[in-house]
PDB file of all heavy atoms in Angstrom:
ATOM      1  N   THR A   1     127.649  85.786 140.789  1.00  0.00           N
ATOM      2  CA  THR A   1     128.201  87.059 141.241  1.00  0.00           C
ATOM      3  C   THR A   1     127.343  87.608 142.372  1.00  0.00           C
ATOM      4  O   THR A   1     126.151  87.333 142.448  1.00  0.00           O
ATOM      5  CB  THR A   1     128.230  88.098 140.107  1.00  0.00           C
ATOM      6  OG1 THR A   1     126.891  88.330 139.632  1.00  0.00           O
ATOM      7  CG2 THR A   1     129.103  87.623 138.964  1.00  0.00           C
ATOM      8  N   ARG A   2     127.955  88.405 143.222  1.00  0.00           N
ATOM      9  CA  ARG A   2     127.214  89.062 144.302  1.00  0.00           C
ATOM     10  C   ARG A   2     126.230  90.070 143.723  1.00  0.00           C
ATOM     11  O   ARG A   2     125.082  90.165 144.169  1.00  0.00           O
ATOM     12  CB  ARG A   2     128.212  89.764 145.224  1.00  0.00           C
ATOM     13  CG  ARG A   2     127.568  90.623 146.315  1.00  0.00           C
ATOM     14  CD  ARG A   2     128.641  91.382 147.090  1.00  0.00           C
ATOM     15  NE  ARG A   2     128.050  92.311 148.043  1.00  0.00           N
ATOM     16  CZ  ARG A   2     127.753  92.018 149.305  1.00  0.00           C
ATOM     17  NH1 ARG A   2     127.976  90.803 149.768  1.00  0.00           N
ATOM     18  NH2 ARG A   2     127.223  92.927 150.108  1.00  0.00           N
ATOM     19  N   ALA A   3     126.666  90.806 142.715  1.00  0.00           N
ATOM     20  CA  ALA A   3     125.864  91.858 142.114  1.00  0.00           C
ATOM     21  C   ALA A   3     124.850  91.284 141.130  1.00  0.00           C
ATOM     22  O   ALA A   3     124.847  90.078 140.829  1.00  0.00           O
ATOM     23  CB  ALA A   3     126.777  92.855 141.399  1.00  0.00           C
ATOM     24  N   ASN A   4     124.004  92.163 140.606  1.00  0.00           N
ATOM     25  CA  ASN A   4     123.074  91.750 139.554  1.00  0.00           C
ATOM     26  C   ASN A   4     123.806  91.757 138.208  1.00  0.00           C
ATOM     27  O   ASN A   4     124.999  92.094 138.147  1.00  0.00           O
ATOM     28  CB  ASN A   4     121.824  92.636 139.567  1.00  0.00           C
ATOM     29  CG  ASN A   4     122.057  94.010 138.961  1.00  0.00           C
ATOM     30  OD1 ASN A   4     123.190  94.435 138.745  1.00  0.00           O
ATOM     31  ND2 ASN A   4     120.984  94.735 138.692  1.00  0.00           N
ATOM     32  N   PRO A   5     123.166  91.392 137.107  1.00  0.00           N
ATOM     33  CA  PRO A   5     123.881  91.334 135.825  1.00  0.00           C
ATOM     34  C   PRO A   5     124.477  92.656 135.368  1.00  0.00           C
ATOM     35  O   PRO A   5     125.375  92.669 134.519  1.00  0.00           O
ATOM     36  CB  PRO A   5     122.797  90.852 134.851  1.00  0.00           C
ATOM     37  CG  PRO A   5     121.867  90.048 135.690  1.00  0.00           C
ATOM     38  CD  PRO A   5     121.824  90.765 137.009  1.00  0.00           C
ATOM     39  N   ASN A   6     124.019  93.780 135.912  1.00  0.00           N
ATOM     40  CA  ASN A   6     124.598  95.086 135.572  1.00  0.00           C
ATOM     41  C   ASN A   6     125.783  95.446 136.449  1.00  0.00           C
ATOM     42  O   ASN A   6     126.330  96.548 136.327  1.00  0.00           O
ATOM     43  CB  ASN A   6     123.537  96.180 135.691  1.00  0.00           C
ATOM     44  CG  ASN A   6     122.422  96.021 134.683  1.00  0.00           C
ATOM     45  OD1 ASN A   6     122.636  95.495 133.587  1.00  0.00           O
ATOM     46  ND2 ASN A   6     121.224  96.463 135.039  1.00  0.00           N
ATOM     47  N   GLY A   7     126.164  94.537 137.355  1.00  0.00           N
ATOM     48  CA  GLY A   7     127.295  94.799 138.235  1.00  0.00           C
ATOM     49  C   GLY A   7     126.949  95.629 139.452  1.00  0.00           C
ATOM     50  O   GLY A   7     127.841  96.117 140.155  1.00  0.00           O
ATOM     51  N   VAL A   8     125.647  95.795 139.737  1.00  0.00           N
ATOM     52  CA  VAL A   8     125.204  96.631 140.858  1.00  0.00           C
ATOM     53  C   VAL A   8     124.858  95.755 142.055  1.00  0.00           C
ATOM     54  O   VAL A   8     124.108  94.777 141.938  1.00  0.00           O
ATOM     55  CB  VAL A   8     123.982  97.480 140.457  1.00  0.00           C
ATOM     56  CG1 VAL A   8     123.455  98.270 141.653  1.00  0.00           C
ATOM     57  CG2 VAL A   8     124.333  98.419 139.310  1.00  0.00           C
ATOM     58  N   ASP A   9     125.394  96.105 143.209  1.00  0.00           N
ATOM     59  CA  ASP A   9     125.049  95.445 144.472  1.00  0.00           C
ATOM     60  C   ASP A   9     123.682  95.967 144.908  1.00  0.00           C
ATOM     61  O   ASP A   9     123.532  97.148 145.242  1.00  0.00           O
ATOM     62  CB  ASP A   9     126.109  95.758 145.521  1.00  0.00           C
ATOM     63  CG  ASP A   9     125.929  94.974 146.812  1.00  0.00           C
ATOM     64  OD1 ASP A   9     124.763  94.677 147.178  1.00  0.00           O
ATOM     65  OD2 ASP A   9     126.929  94.667 147.473  1.00  0.00           O
ATOM     66  N   LEU A  10     122.694  95.101 144.936  1.00  0.00           N
ATOM     67  CA  LEU A  10     121.328  95.530 145.212  1.00  0.00           C
ATOM     68  C   LEU A  10     121.141  96.032 146.642  1.00  0.00           C
ATOM     69  O   LEU A  10     120.185  96.755 146.922  1.00  0.00           O
ATOM     70  CB  LEU A  10     120.348  94.387 144.928  1.00  0.00           C
ATOM     71  CG  LEU A  10     120.315  93.903 143.471  1.00  0.00           C
ATOM     72  CD1 LEU A  10     119.339  92.734 143.313  1.00  0.00           C
ATOM     73  CD2 LEU A  10     119.934  95.035 142.522  1.00  0.00           C
ATOM     74  N   MET A  11     122.057  95.675 147.540  1.00  0.00           N
ATOM     75  CA  MET A  11     121.979  96.180 148.912  1.00  0.00           C
ATOM     76  C   MET A  11     122.762  97.485 149.105  1.00  0.00           C
ATOM     77  O   MET A  11     122.944  97.959 150.230  1.00  0.00           O
ATOM     78  CB  MET A  11     122.495  95.129 149.903  1.00  0.00           C
ATOM     79  CG  MET A  11     121.568  93.944 150.081  1.00  0.00           C
ATOM     80  SD  MET A  11     119.898  94.391 150.622  1.00  0.00           S
ATOM     81  CE  MET A  11     120.214  95.030 152.255  1.00  0.00           C
ATOM     82  N   ARG A  12     123.230  98.075 148.006  1.00  0.00           N
ATOM     83  CA  ARG A  12     123.886  99.389 148.048  1.00  0.00           C
ATOM     84  C   ARG A  12     123.226 100.346 147.051  1.00  0.00           C
ATOM     85  O   ARG A  12     123.762 101.406 146.767  1.00  0.00           O
ATOM     86  CB  ARG A  12     125.384  99.263 147.685  1.00  0.00           C
ATOM     87  CG  ARG A  12     126.182  98.269 148.509  1.00  0.00           C
ATOM     88  CD  ARG A  12     126.394  98.729 149.930  1.00  0.00           C
ATOM     89  NE  ARG A  12     127.317  97.863 150.644  1.00  0.00           N
ATOM     90  CZ  ARG A  12     126.984  96.744 151.260  1.00  0.00           C
ATOM     91  NH1 ARG A  12     125.722  96.336 151.254  1.00  0.00           N
ATOM     92  NH2 ARG A  12     127.887  96.015 151.887  1.00  0.00           N
ATOM     93  N   ASN A  13     122.061  99.986 146.527  1.00  0.00           N
ATOM     94  CA  ASN A  13     121.499 100.628 145.343  1.00  0.00           C
ATOM     95  C   ASN A  13     120.373 101.615 145.634  1.00  0.00           C
ATOM     96  O   ASN A  13     119.977 102.375 144.752  1.00  0.00           O
ATOM     97  CB  ASN A  13     121.021  99.537 144.375  1.00  0.00           C
ATOM     98  CG  ASN A  13     120.433 100.059 143.098  1.00  0.00           C
ATOM     99  OD1 ASN A  13     119.320  99.698 142.712  1.00  0.00           O
ATOM    100  ND2 ASN A  13     121.159 100.922 142.404  1.00  0.00           N
ATOM    101  N   ALA A  14     119.848 101.632 146.847  1.00  0.00           N
ATOM    102  CA  ALA A  14     118.728 102.529 147.162  1.00  0.00           C
ATOM    103  C   ALA A  14     119.217 103.969 147.280  1.00  0.00           C
ATOM    104  O   ALA A  14     120.384 104.221 147.609  1.00  0.00           O
ATOM    105  CB  ALA A  14     118.056 102.088 148.454  1.00  0.00           C
ATOM    106  N   PRO A  15     118.343 104.956 147.027  1.00  0.00           N
ATOM    107  CA  PRO A  15     118.742 106.369 147.095  1.00  0.00           C
ATOM    108  C   PRO A  15     118.794 106.877 148.527  1.00  0.00           C
ATOM    109  O   PRO A  15     117.942 107.653 148.979  1.00  0.00           O
ATOM    110  CB  PRO A  15     117.645 107.063 146.283  1.00  0.00           C
ATOM    111  CG  PRO A  15     116.443 106.200 146.449  1.00  0.00           C
ATOM    112  CD  PRO A  15     116.966 104.789 146.523  1.00  0.00           C
ATOM    113  N   ILE A  16     119.793 106.435 149.251  1.00  0.00           N
ATOM    114  CA  ILE A  16     119.942 106.844 150.648  1.00  0.00           C
ATOM    115  C   ILE A  16     121.435 106.916 150.965  1.00  0.00           C
ATOM    116  O   ILE A  16     122.203 106.028 150.582  1.00  0.00           O
ATOM    117  CB  ILE A  16     119.202 105.863 151.589  1.00  0.00           C
ATOM    118  CG1 ILE A  16     119.259 106.318 153.030  1.00  0.00           C
ATOM    119  CG2 ILE A  16     119.747 104.452 151.467  1.00  0.00           C
ATOM    120  CD1 ILE A  16     118.318 105.540 153.935  1.00  0.00           C
ATOM    121  N   GLU A  17     121.844 108.004 151.606  1.00  0.00           N
ATOM    122  CA  GLU A  17     123.254 108.250 151.897  1.00  0.00           C
ATOM    123  C   GLU A  17     123.543 108.000 153.372  1.00  0.00           C
ATOM    124  O   GLU A  17     122.762 108.383 154.242  1.00  0.00           O
ATOM    125  CB  GLU A  17     123.627 109.686 151.541  1.00  0.00           C
ATOM    126  CG  GLU A  17     123.411 110.060 150.081  1.00  0.00           C
ATOM    127  CD  GLU A  17     124.310 109.280 149.146  1.00  0.00           C
ATOM    128  OE1 GLU A  17     125.499 109.119 149.469  1.00  0.00           O
ATOM    129  OE2 GLU A  17     123.818 108.843 148.080  1.00  0.00           O
ATOM    130  N   ALA A  18     124.657 107.376 153.638  1.00  0.00           N
ATOM    131  CA  ALA A  18     125.065 107.112 155.019  1.00  0.00           C
ATOM    132  C   ALA A  18     125.511 108.399 155.702  1.00  0.00           C
ATOM    133  O   ALA A  18     125.998 109.328 155.054  1.00  0.00           O
ATOM    134  CB  ALA A  18     126.186 106.090 155.051  1.00  0.00           C
ATOM    135  N   HIS A  19     125.347 108.438 157.005  1.00  0.00           N
ATOM    136  CA  HIS A  19     125.805 109.565 157.815  1.00  0.00           C
ATOM    137  C   HIS A  19     127.241 109.296 158.254  1.00  0.00           C
ATOM    138  O   HIS A  19     127.532 108.271 158.873  1.00  0.00           O
ATOM    139  CB  HIS A  19     124.919 109.739 159.049  1.00  0.00           C
ATOM    140  CG  HIS A  19     123.486 110.025 158.709  1.00  0.00           C
ATOM    141  ND1 HIS A  19     122.479 109.990 159.658  1.00  0.00           N
ATOM    142  CD2 HIS A  19     122.879 110.343 157.539  1.00  0.00           C
ATOM    143  CE1 HIS A  19     121.327 110.281 159.074  1.00  0.00           C
ATOM    144  NE2 HIS A  19     121.544 110.492 157.796  1.00  0.00           N
ATOM    145  N   GLY A  20     128.138 110.216 157.938  1.00  0.00           N
ATOM    146  CA  GLY A  20     129.523 110.038 158.342  1.00  0.00           C
ATOM    147  C   GLY A  20     130.278 109.099 157.418  1.00  0.00           C
ATOM    148  O   GLY A  20     129.846 108.805 156.296  1.00  0.00           O
ATOM    149  N   LYS A  21     131.399 108.612 157.900  1.00  0.00           N
ATOM    150  CA  LYS A  21     132.272 107.768 157.091  1.00  0.00           C
ATOM    151  C   LYS A  21     131.738 106.341 156.996  1.00  0.00           C
ATOM    152  O   LYS A  21     131.132 105.826 157.932  1.00  0.00           O
ATOM    153  CB  LYS A  21     133.680 107.749 157.681  1.00  0.00           C
ATOM    154  CG  LYS A  21     134.405 109.083 157.609  1.00  0.00           C
ATOM    155  CD  LYS A  21     135.822 108.969 158.161  1.00  0.00           C
ATOM    156  CE  LYS A  21     136.553 110.307 158.060  1.00  0.00           C
ATOM    157  NZ  LYS A  21     137.939 110.208 158.584  1.00  0.00           N
ATOM    158  N   VAL A  22     131.994 105.720 155.841  1.00  0.00           N
ATOM    159  CA  VAL A  22     131.694 104.294 155.653  1.00  0.00           C
ATOM    160  C   VAL A  22     132.981 103.598 155.242  1.00  0.00           C
ATOM    161  O   VAL A  22     133.907 104.243 154.747  1.00  0.00           O
ATOM    162  CB  VAL A  22     130.604 104.085 154.579  1.00  0.00           C
ATOM    163  CG1 VAL A  22     129.318 104.791 154.953  1.00  0.00           C
ATOM    164  CG2 VAL A  22     131.087 104.544 153.211  1.00  0.00           C
ATOM    165  N   PRO A  23     133.091 102.273 155.442  1.00  0.00           N
ATOM    166  CA  PRO A  23     134.296 101.562 155.021  1.00  0.00           C
ATOM    167  C   PRO A  23     134.517 101.711 153.518  1.00  0.00           C
ATOM    168  O   PRO A  23     133.570 101.644 152.731  1.00  0.00           O
ATOM    169  CB  PRO A  23     134.003 100.110 155.401  1.00  0.00           C
ATOM    170  CG  PRO A  23     132.923 100.177 156.423  1.00  0.00           C
ATOM    171  CD  PRO A  23     132.112 101.384 156.098  1.00  0.00           C
ATOM    172  N   PHE A  24     135.764 101.897 153.117  1.00  0.00           N
ATOM    173  CA  PHE A  24     136.103 102.051 151.704  1.00  0.00           C
ATOM    174  C   PHE A  24     135.627 100.837 150.912  1.00  0.00           C
ATOM    175  O   PHE A  24     135.851  99.693 151.314  1.00  0.00           O
ATOM    176  CB  PHE A  24     137.620 102.227 151.555  1.00  0.00           C
ATOM    177  CG  PHE A  24     138.073 102.376 150.132  1.00  0.00           C
ATOM    178  CD1 PHE A  24     137.652 103.453 149.362  1.00  0.00           C
ATOM    179  CD2 PHE A  24     138.900 101.426 149.548  1.00  0.00           C
ATOM    180  CE1 PHE A  24     138.068 103.599 148.040  1.00  0.00           C
ATOM    181  CE2 PHE A  24     139.313 101.555 148.234  1.00  0.00           C
ATOM    182  CZ  PHE A  24     138.900 102.651 147.472  1.00  0.00           C
TER     183      PHE A  24
END
């Protein structure tokens, strides 16, 4: 799987928010 065993994408997991819109 792309994600870790908990179903979390490790490259989307850090506490940082994007500025503006991101792809759905």
